[in-house]
C-alpha atoms as a PDB file:
ATOM      1  CA  UNK A   1     -25.585  34.707  20.513  1.00  0.00           C
ATOM      2  CA  UNK A   2     -22.592  34.682  18.184  1.00  0.00           C
ATOM      3  CA  UNK A   3     -21.323  31.141  17.937  1.00  0.00           C
ATOM      4  CA  UNK A   4     -17.600  30.336  17.942  1.00  0.00           C
ATOM      5  CA  UNK A   5     -16.316  28.805  14.721  1.00  0.00           C
ATOM      6  CA  UNK A   6     -14.746  25.527  15.781  1.00  0.00           C
ATOM      7  CA  UNK A   7     -12.286  23.075  14.252  1.00  0.00           C
ATOM      8  CA  UNK A   8     -12.303  19.554  15.683  1.00  0.00           C
ATOM      9  CA  UNK A   9      -9.080  17.568  15.728  1.00  0.00           C
ATOM     10  CA  UNK A  10      -9.419  13.866  16.514  1.00  0.00           C
ATOM     11  CA  UNK A  11      -7.927  10.455  15.772  1.00  0.00           C
ATOM     12  CA  UNK A  12      -9.915   9.486  12.676  1.00  0.00           C
ATOM     13  CA  UNK A  13      -9.093   5.791  12.995  1.00  0.00           C
ATOM     14  CA  UNK A  14     -10.153   5.410  16.635  1.00  0.00           C
ATOM     15  CA  UNK A  15     -12.334   8.321  17.714  1.00  0.00           C
ATOM     16  CA  UNK A  16     -14.720   9.104  14.862  1.00  0.00           C
ATOM     17  CA  UNK A  17     -17.630   8.292  17.184  1.00  0.00           C
ATOM     18  CA  UNK A  18     -16.456  11.028  19.572  1.00  0.00           C
ATOM     19  CA  UNK A  19     -16.300  13.579  16.760  1.00  0.00           C
ATOM     20  CA  UNK A  20     -19.870  12.654  15.845  1.00  0.00           C
ATOM     21  CA  UNK A  21     -20.980  13.222  19.448  1.00  0.00           C
ATOM     22  CA  UNK A  22     -19.378  16.670  19.492  1.00  0.00           C
ATOM     23  CA  UNK A  23     -20.991  17.578  16.173  1.00  0.00           C
ATOM     24  CA  UNK A  24     -24.324  16.574  17.717  1.00  0.00           C
ATOM     25  CA  UNK A  25     -23.714  18.853  20.689  1.00  0.00           C
ATOM     26  CA  UNK A  26     -22.997  21.743  18.323  1.00  0.00           C
ATOM     27  CA  UNK A  27     -26.570  21.352  17.052  1.00  0.00           C
ATOM     28  CA  UNK A  28     -28.078  22.037  20.494  1.00  0.00           C
ATOM     29  CA  UNK A  29     -30.106  25.244  20.542  1.00  0.00           C
ATOM     30  CA  UNK A  30     -27.988  26.647  23.373  1.00  0.00           C
ATOM     31  CA  UNK A  31     -24.669  25.634  21.813  1.00  0.00           C
ATOM     32  CA  UNK A  32     -22.009  28.377  21.925  1.00  0.00           C
ATOM     33  CA  UNK A  33     -20.169  26.895  18.940  1.00  0.00           C
ATOM     34  CA  UNK A  34     -20.619  25.711  15.381  1.00  0.00           C
ATOM     35  CA  UNK A  35     -18.503  23.274  13.445  1.00  0.00           C
ATOM     36  CA  UNK A  36     -16.867  24.859  10.425  1.00  0.00           C
ATOM     37  CA  UNK A  37     -14.641  21.986   9.320  1.00  0.00           C
ATOM     38  CA  UNK A  38     -13.679  18.737  10.884  1.00  0.00           C
ATOM     39  CA  UNK A  39     -10.225  17.233  11.105  1.00  0.00           C
ATOM     40  CA  UNK A  40      -8.885  15.931   7.823  1.00  0.00           C
ATOM     41  CA  UNK A  41      -8.085  12.242   7.476  1.00  0.00           C
ATOM     42  CA  UNK A  42      -4.531  11.919   6.279  1.00  0.00           C
ATOM     43  CA  UNK A  43      -4.537  11.273   2.562  1.00  0.00           C
ATOM     44  CA  UNK A  44      -2.081  10.911  -0.256  1.00  0.00           C
ATOM     45  CA  UNK A  45      -2.560  14.599  -1.008  1.00  0.00           C
ATOM     46  CA  UNK A  46       0.618  16.515  -0.302  1.00  0.00           C
ATOM     47  CA  UNK A  47      -1.244  19.719   0.482  1.00  0.00           C
ATOM     48  CA  UNK A  48      -3.436  18.441   3.325  1.00  0.00           C
ATOM     49  CA  UNK A  49      -1.452  20.470   5.872  1.00  0.00           C
ATOM     50  CA  UNK A  50      -2.012  23.627   3.825  1.00  0.00           C
ATOM     51  CA  UNK A  51      -5.736  22.860   3.727  1.00  0.00           C
ATOM     52  CA  UNK A  52      -5.758  22.210   7.474  1.00  0.00           C
ATOM     53  CA  UNK A  53      -3.899  25.475   8.126  1.00  0.00           C
ATOM     54  CA  UNK A  54      -6.430  27.435   6.073  1.00  0.00           C
ATOM     55  CA  UNK A  55      -9.337  25.839   7.931  1.00  0.00           C
ATOM     56  CA  UNK A  56      -7.783  26.266  11.370  1.00  0.00           C
ATOM     57  CA  UNK A  57      -6.909  29.930  10.720  1.00  0.00           C
ATOM     58  CA  UNK A  58     -10.566  30.531   9.846  1.00  0.00           C
ATOM     59  CA  UNK A  59     -11.757  29.288  13.230  1.00  0.00           C
ATOM     60  CA  UNK A  60     -12.046  30.878  16.653  1.00  0.00           C
ATOM     61  CA  UNK A  61     -11.046  27.765  18.587  1.00  0.00           C
ATOM     62  CA  UNK A  62      -9.702  24.240  18.058  1.00  0.00           C
ATOM     63  CA  UNK A  63     -11.038  21.355  20.115  1.00  0.00           C
ATOM     64  CA  UNK A  64      -8.680  18.384  20.361  1.00  0.00           C
ATOM     65  CA  UNK A  65     -10.535  15.221  21.331  1.00  0.00           C
ATOM     66  CA  UNK A  66      -8.152  12.905  23.182  1.00  0.00           C
ATOM     67  CA  UNK A  67      -8.572   9.141  23.172  1.00  0.00           C
ATOM     68  CA  UNK A  68      -6.349   6.241  24.137  1.00  0.00           C
ATOM     69  CA  UNK A  69      -4.335   6.394  20.873  1.00  0.00           C
ATOM     70  CA  UNK A  70      -4.111  10.148  20.321  1.00  0.00           C
ATOM     71  CA  UNK A  71      -0.372  10.143  21.016  1.00  0.00           C
ATOM     72  CA  UNK A  72       0.170   8.065  17.857  1.00  0.00           C
ATOM     73  CA  UNK A  73      -2.186  10.105  15.638  1.00  0.00           C
ATOM     74  CA  UNK A  74       0.257  12.155  13.556  1.00  0.00           C
ATOM     75  CA  UNK A  75      -2.520  14.184  11.941  1.00  0.00           C
ATOM     76  CA  UNK A  76      -3.793  15.359  15.326  1.00  0.00           C
ATOM     77  CA  UNK A  77      -0.317  16.495  16.345  1.00  0.00           C
ATOM     78  CA  UNK A  78       0.150  18.284  13.018  1.00  0.00           C
ATOM     79  CA  UNK A  79      -3.179  20.103  13.436  1.00  0.00           C
ATOM     80  CA  UNK A  80      -2.314  21.056  17.006  1.00  0.00           C
ATOM     81  CA  UNK A  81       1.063  22.417  15.873  1.00  0.00           C
ATOM     82  CA  UNK A  82      -0.719  24.515  13.248  1.00  0.00           C
ATOM     83  CA  UNK A  83      -3.082  25.915  15.885  1.00  0.00           C
ATOM     84  CA  UNK A  84      -0.086  26.765  18.070  1.00  0.00           C
ATOM     85  CA  UNK A  85       1.807  28.409  15.183  1.00  0.00           C
ATOM     86  CA  UNK A  86      -1.241  30.420  14.116  1.00  0.00           C
ATOM     87  CA  UNK A  87      -2.089  31.401  17.727  1.00  0.00           C
ATOM     88  CA  UNK A  88      -5.577  29.911  17.471  1.00  0.00           C
ATOM     89  CA  UNK A  89      -6.832  29.064  20.976  1.00  0.00           C
ATOM     90  CA  UNK A  90      -7.303  25.366  21.631  1.00  0.00           C
ATOM     91  CA  UNK A  91      -8.112  22.960  24.396  1.00  0.00           C
ATOM     92  CA  UNK A  92      -7.898  19.211  24.961  1.00  0.00           C
ATOM     93  CA  UNK A  93     -10.999  17.177  25.836  1.00  0.00           C
ATOM     94  CA  UNK A  94     -10.837  13.887  27.694  1.00  0.00           C
ATOM     95  CA  UNK A  95     -12.755  11.836  25.135  1.00  0.00           C
ATOM     96  CA  UNK A  96     -13.575   8.640  26.996  1.00  0.00           C
ATOM     97  CA  UNK A  97     -14.389   8.632  30.682  1.00  0.00           C
ATOM     98  CA  UNK A  98     -13.815   4.873  31.002  1.00  0.00           C
ATOM     99  CA  UNK A  99     -10.374   4.748  29.323  1.00  0.00           C
ATOM    100  CA  UNK A 100      -6.939   6.202  29.823  1.00  0.00           C
ATOM    101  CA  UNK A 101      -6.875   9.028  27.289  1.00  0.00           C
ATOM    102  CA  UNK A 102      -3.569  10.562  26.213  1.00  0.00           C
ATOM    103  CA  UNK A 103      -2.468  13.904  24.815  1.00  0.00           C
ATOM    104  CA  UNK A 104      -1.160  14.263  21.276  1.00  0.00           C
ATOM    105  CA  UNK A 105       2.627  14.429  20.963  1.00  0.00           C
ATOM    106  CA  UNK A 106       2.460  18.137  20.038  1.00  0.00           C
ATOM    107  CA  UNK A 107       0.643  19.062  23.253  1.00  0.00           C
ATOM    108  CA  UNK A 108       2.567  21.193  25.694  1.00  0.00           C
ATOM    109  CA  UNK A 109       3.224  19.795  29.144  1.00  0.00           C
ATOM    110  CA  UNK A 110       1.198  22.704  30.518  1.00  0.00           C
ATOM    111  CA  UNK A 111      -1.876  21.817  28.402  1.00  0.00           C
ATOM    112  CA  UNK A 112      -4.655  20.491  30.596  1.00  0.00           C
ATOM    113  CA  UNK A 113      -7.030  17.796  29.445  1.00  0.00           C
ATOM    114  CA  UNK A 114     -10.557  18.747  30.454  1.00  0.00           C
ATOM    115  CA  UNK A 115     -13.483  16.547  31.394  1.00  0.00           C
ATOM    116  CA  UNK A 116     -16.081  16.460  28.627  1.00  0.00           C
ATOM    117  CA  UNK A 117     -19.382  17.637  30.051  1.00  0.00           C
ATOM    118  CA  UNK A 118     -21.870  20.001  28.431  1.00  0.00           C
ATOM    119  CA  UNK A 119     -21.345  22.683  31.088  1.00  0.00           C
ATOM    120  CA  UNK A 120     -17.568  22.342  30.884  1.00  0.00           C
ATOM    121  CA  UNK A 121     -17.663  22.511  27.098  1.00  0.00           C
ATOM    122  CA  UNK A 122     -19.627  25.767  27.164  1.00  0.00           C
ATOM    123  CA  UNK A 123     -17.144  27.288  29.629  1.00  0.00           C
ATOM    124  CA  UNK A 124     -14.120  26.132  27.613  1.00  0.00           C
ATOM    125  CA  UNK A 125     -15.557  27.488  24.361  1.00  0.00           C
ATOM    126  CA  UNK A 126     -16.087  30.763  26.219  1.00  0.00           C
ATOM    127  CA  UNK A 127     -12.377  30.930  27.049  1.00  0.00           C
ATOM    128  CA  UNK A 128     -12.264  29.587  30.606  1.00  0.00           C
ATOM    129  CA  UNK A 129      -9.156  27.459  30.580  1.00  0.00           C
END
C-alpha cells in the first residue's frame, strides 16, 4: 500500500495532544498515511510561511485538526490558505468529541468538519469527502 504523505495543521497552543494522537494513528500497520511534517509553531522567523508552503506542496493531503480555539489560531488559517492556493486536498477533523470545536477562519463555509474515527480517517485520506 502506498501511503499518503500528510501535513497536519493544528493549534499548537491548545491541541498538541491531538496532533500526537494522529501521529500515533499514522504508525498503525494498516494506516493509509504517513506524517511528513507537522504544523509549524509560529516563530520570529519571517520565512515560516515559505517553509510551510514547501512542506504542504510536498504532501498529498492536509489534515486540519479543529479544537475549541482553532478560529483564533492564525497559523492554522495561514496553512489552510496555503493548501487552498496550492490545490492540495484537505479536510477538517472534529478534534474533541466532548467540546464545541470550530473551523479555522480560512475554512470555506462549504468545508465539512468530520468526526474523528479510525474508519472515517481512512476513508477521508482515501478521498471520500
